[in-house]
């Protein structure tokens, strides 16, 4: 039987008070999506509000395109799945083998506090299933707790979008959370590589990636954790 992987996307579309749009980062969905699909897994997309989640237009610009993003844009089945994501409140961890959170700036506003997302992460964790997140999406982990009430990131090796990377994209004063600072504050053992260099961390069933180039390597670690 093929593994079923839930991918959770943001529903938040505004970049603070700037008036600019934001959302999920296309490469961070597309690369893991095909890594999982090509490994024989089934991928299901969900978001807090359901329906079509907002795409960060900068991730759709020509300079941000990769082989995976072009494939995703030309894939009718993938586009249908994206237009009809499941509402998080209607999703059960019981129906999946692992969960993966693509990033983009959107999760800093919604997934960080979303009760349904936190519930899902805690259930996947309690069921000893892999939990993975890349770039800004590790912010979704900071309020999730284990059965003893401890934050699941406390004392564990993690990574995520760095303070230097946020500064490089000019949004340090715009975002409500800096991922690096939030993970450290949650008691995680945070580490990082150079700005926009691929970097991943795995601590048991907790798998994180630093930035967009880390999205496919993060997905591959998830697949390995599933025995793929």
Protein backbone atom coordinates (compact mmCIF):
# COMPACT_ATOMS: atom_id res chain seq x y z
CA UNK A 1 0.00 0.00 0.00
CA UNK A 2 1.36 3.43 -0.95
CA UNK A 3 2.05 6.03 1.72
CA UNK A 4 -0.34 8.97 2.05
CA UNK A 5 1.30 12.30 2.77
CA UNK A 6 -0.61 15.39 3.86
CA UNK A 7 0.83 18.72 2.71
CA UNK A 8 -0.43 21.75 4.63
CA UNK A 9 -0.38 25.18 2.99
CA UNK A 10 -1.06 28.65 4.37
CA UNK A 11 -4.32 30.51 3.74
CA UNK A 12 -2.84 33.93 4.60
CA UNK A 13 -2.41 36.33 1.66
CA UNK A 14 -1.27 39.73 3.07
CA UNK A 15 2.30 40.73 3.88
CA UNK A 16 1.62 42.57 7.12
CA UNK A 17 0.71 46.22 6.61
CA UNK A 18 2.67 46.60 3.37
CA UNK A 19 -0.36 46.11 1.12
CA UNK A 20 1.63 43.49 -0.78
CA UNK A 21 0.43 39.92 -1.35
CA UNK A 22 2.05 36.83 0.13
CA UNK A 23 1.17 33.16 0.56
CA UNK A 24 2.99 29.88 0.03
CA UNK A 25 6.25 29.56 -1.91
CA UNK A 26 5.75 27.58 -5.10
CA UNK A 27 9.06 25.69 -5.16
CA UNK A 28 8.52 24.55 -1.58
CA UNK A 29 5.30 22.85 -2.64
CA UNK A 30 6.26 21.70 -6.13
CA UNK A 31 9.63 20.06 -5.39
CA UNK A 32 8.38 18.00 -2.39
CA UNK A 33 5.12 17.23 -4.20
CA UNK A 34 6.93 15.51 -7.05
CA UNK A 35 9.59 13.94 -4.84
CA UNK A 36 6.75 12.20 -2.99
CA UNK A 37 4.61 11.47 -6.02
CA UNK A 38 7.51 10.04 -8.02
CA UNK A 39 8.37 7.81 -5.05
CA UNK A 40 4.91 6.28 -5.30
CA UNK A 41 3.27 8.17 -2.45
CA UNK A 42 -0.15 9.77 -2.57
CA UNK A 43 -0.20 13.50 -1.78
CA UNK A 44 -3.21 15.35 -0.37
CA UNK A 45 -3.25 19.14 0.01
CA UNK A 46 -4.92 21.02 2.87
CA UNK A 47 -5.06 24.56 4.24
CA UNK A 48 -6.81 26.35 7.13
CA UNK A 49 -9.58 27.77 4.95
CA UNK A 50 -9.65 25.07 2.28
CA UNK A 51 -10.05 25.84 -1.42
CA UNK A 52 -7.28 27.57 -3.35
CA UNK A 53 -4.50 28.87 -1.11
CA UNK A 54 -2.71 32.13 -1.98
CA UNK A 55 0.52 31.85 -3.95
CA UNK A 56 3.30 34.33 -3.24
CA UNK A 57 3.63 36.03 -6.65
CA UNK A 58 7.38 36.40 -6.19
CA UNK A 59 7.67 32.62 -6.18
CA UNK A 60 5.86 32.58 -9.53
CA UNK A 61 8.32 35.03 -11.14
CA UNK A 62 10.62 33.78 -13.88
CA UNK A 63 13.75 34.03 -11.74
CA UNK A 64 12.16 31.73 -9.15
CA UNK A 65 11.24 28.97 -11.59
CA UNK A 66 12.68 25.46 -11.36
CA UNK A 67 12.04 22.24 -13.21
CA UNK A 68 9.58 21.26 -10.48
CA UNK A 69 7.64 24.55 -10.54
CA UNK A 70 7.27 24.42 -14.33
CA UNK A 71 6.07 20.83 -14.10
CA UNK A 72 3.57 21.80 -11.41
CA UNK A 73 2.20 24.71 -13.44
CA UNK A 74 1.65 22.43 -16.46
CA UNK A 75 0.13 19.58 -14.44
CA UNK A 76 -3.67 19.69 -14.66
CA UNK A 77 -4.14 17.20 -11.83
CA UNK A 78 -1.82 19.17 -9.53
CA UNK A 79 -3.63 22.40 -10.38
CA UNK A 80 -6.99 20.83 -9.58
CA UNK A 81 -5.65 19.60 -6.24
CA UNK A 82 -4.31 23.07 -5.45
CA UNK A 83 -7.62 24.74 -6.34
CA UNK A 84 -9.49 22.40 -4.00
CA UNK A 85 -7.40 21.93 -0.87
CA UNK A 86 -9.14 20.27 2.05
CA UNK A 87 -10.06 22.39 5.05
CA UNK A 88 -7.78 21.55 7.98
CA UNK A 89 -10.69 21.09 10.36
CA UNK A 90 -11.96 18.26 8.16
CA UNK A 91 -8.63 16.40 7.99
CA UNK A 92 -7.60 13.55 10.30
CA UNK A 93 -4.04 12.43 10.95
CA UNK A 94 -5.41 8.88 11.15
CA UNK A 95 -5.77 8.90 7.36
CA UNK A 96 -2.13 9.76 6.62
CA UNK A 97 1.37 8.40 7.16
CA UNK A 98 3.21 11.74 7.40
CA UNK A 99 2.72 15.51 7.19
CA UNK A 100 4.78 18.09 5.30
CA UNK A 101 4.55 21.88 5.64
CA UNK A 102 5.79 23.98 2.69
CA UNK A 103 6.79 27.52 3.59
CA UNK A 104 6.38 31.01 2.22
CA UNK A 105 5.73 33.98 4.50
CA UNK A 106 2.03 33.18 4.97
CA UNK A 107 2.53 30.61 7.78
CA UNK A 108 4.04 33.34 9.98
CA UNK A 109 0.55 34.83 10.28
CA UNK A 110 -1.82 31.85 10.27
CA UNK A 111 -0.25 28.42 10.76
CA UNK A 112 1.80 29.55 13.75
CA UNK A 113 -1.37 29.91 15.84
CA UNK A 114 -3.85 27.75 13.92
CA UNK A 115 -5.49 25.38 16.42
CA UNK A 116 -6.39 22.78 13.79
CA UNK A 117 -2.83 22.73 12.47
CA UNK A 118 -1.42 22.40 15.99
CA UNK A 119 -3.90 19.59 16.69
CA UNK A 120 -2.79 17.76 13.56
CA UNK A 121 0.91 18.10 14.33
CA UNK A 122 0.38 16.86 17.87
CA UNK A 123 -1.63 13.88 16.60
CA UNK A 124 0.93 12.93 13.96
CA UNK A 125 3.60 13.18 16.66
CA UNK A 126 1.61 11.07 19.13
CA UNK A 127 1.09 8.46 16.41
CA UNK A 128 4.86 8.40 15.77
CA UNK A 129 4.53 9.59 12.18
CA UNK A 130 7.05 11.87 10.43
CA UNK A 131 6.48 15.62 10.72
CA UNK A 132 8.38 17.81 8.22
CA UNK A 133 8.50 21.55 7.52
CA UNK A 134 10.67 23.78 5.36
CA UNK A 135 11.78 27.42 5.30
CA UNK A 136 9.20 29.58 7.17
CA UNK A 137 6.91 26.62 7.89
CA UNK A 138 8.82 25.33 10.95
CA UNK A 139 7.07 28.25 12.71
CA UNK A 140 4.00 25.96 12.70
CA UNK A 141 5.81 23.64 15.12
CA UNK A 142 6.47 26.05 17.97
CA UNK A 143 3.17 25.59 19.86
CA UNK A 144 2.82 21.83 19.27
CA UNK A 145 3.34 19.71 22.38
CA UNK A 146 3.96 16.06 23.08
CA UNK A 147 1.94 13.80 25.38
CA UNK A 148 3.79 15.09 28.45
CA UNK A 149 3.02 18.71 27.57
CA UNK A 150 6.53 19.57 26.39
CA UNK A 151 7.05 21.47 23.11
CA UNK A 152 8.00 18.90 20.47
CA UNK A 153 10.89 21.08 19.31
CA UNK A 154 12.43 21.43 22.78
CA UNK A 155 15.87 19.83 22.87
CA UNK A 156 15.63 18.71 19.25
CA UNK A 157 17.80 19.53 16.24
CA UNK A 158 15.96 21.86 13.85
CA UNK A 159 16.54 24.46 11.18
CA UNK A 160 14.42 27.02 9.33
CA UNK A 161 14.63 30.36 7.53
CA UNK A 162 17.50 32.30 9.08
CA UNK A 163 17.56 35.85 10.40
CA UNK A 164 20.15 36.66 7.73
CA UNK A 165 17.89 35.30 5.00
CA UNK A 166 14.96 37.38 6.27
CA UNK A 167 17.23 40.41 6.21
CA UNK A 168 18.34 39.52 2.68
CA UNK A 169 14.74 39.64 1.44
CA UNK A 170 14.12 42.90 3.32
CA UNK A 171 11.30 41.73 5.57
CA UNK A 172 12.84 41.65 9.04
CA UNK A 173 10.71 44.61 10.17
CA UNK A 174 7.56 43.34 8.43
CA UNK A 175 7.14 39.77 9.63
CA UNK A 176 5.48 39.04 13.01
CA UNK A 177 8.02 36.32 13.84
CA UNK A 178 11.61 35.53 12.91
CA UNK A 179 11.75 31.77 12.43
CA UNK A 180 15.28 31.37 13.78
CA UNK A 181 14.49 33.34 16.94
CA UNK A 182 11.17 31.55 17.50
CA UNK A 183 12.72 28.09 17.26
CA UNK A 184 15.50 29.04 19.64
CA UNK A 185 13.01 30.55 22.08
CA UNK A 186 11.08 27.26 21.99
CA UNK A 187 14.14 25.42 23.27
CA UNK A 188 15.20 23.82 20.00
CA UNK A 189 18.82 23.17 19.07
CA UNK A 190 18.79 25.42 16.01
CA UNK A 191 21.51 25.30 13.36
CA UNK A 192 21.92 26.73 9.87
CA UNK A 193 24.10 26.85 6.78
CA UNK A 194 25.06 29.82 4.61
CA UNK A 195 22.36 32.11 3.26
CA UNK A 196 20.16 30.23 0.75
CA UNK A 197 22.37 27.13 0.83
CA UNK A 198 20.48 23.81 1.05
CA UNK A 199 20.44 22.56 4.64
CA UNK A 200 18.29 20.04 6.50
CA UNK A 201 18.07 18.62 10.01
CA UNK A 202 16.51 15.37 11.12
CA UNK A 203 15.91 14.50 14.74
CA UNK A 204 14.03 11.22 14.79
CA UNK A 205 10.68 11.84 13.10
CA UNK A 206 11.09 15.64 13.14
CA UNK A 207 12.49 16.88 9.81
CA UNK A 208 13.17 20.51 8.89
CA UNK A 209 14.75 22.43 6.01
CA UNK A 210 16.24 25.91 6.00
CA UNK A 211 15.03 27.57 2.79
CA UNK A 212 13.54 26.97 -0.69
CA UNK A 213 16.59 25.03 -2.01
CA UNK A 214 16.17 22.72 1.00
CA UNK A 215 12.60 21.72 0.14
CA UNK A 216 13.33 18.65 -1.99
CA UNK A 217 16.08 17.34 0.36
CA UNK A 218 13.62 17.73 3.25
CA UNK A 219 11.02 15.72 1.36
CA UNK A 220 13.58 13.01 0.61
CA UNK A 221 14.35 12.68 4.32
CA UNK A 222 10.62 12.34 4.95
CA UNK A 223 10.41 9.57 2.37
CA UNK A 224 13.37 7.79 3.93
CA UNK A 225 11.63 7.98 7.30
CA UNK A 226 8.66 6.24 5.63
CA UNK A 227 10.96 3.59 4.20
CA UNK A 228 10.65 4.89 0.64
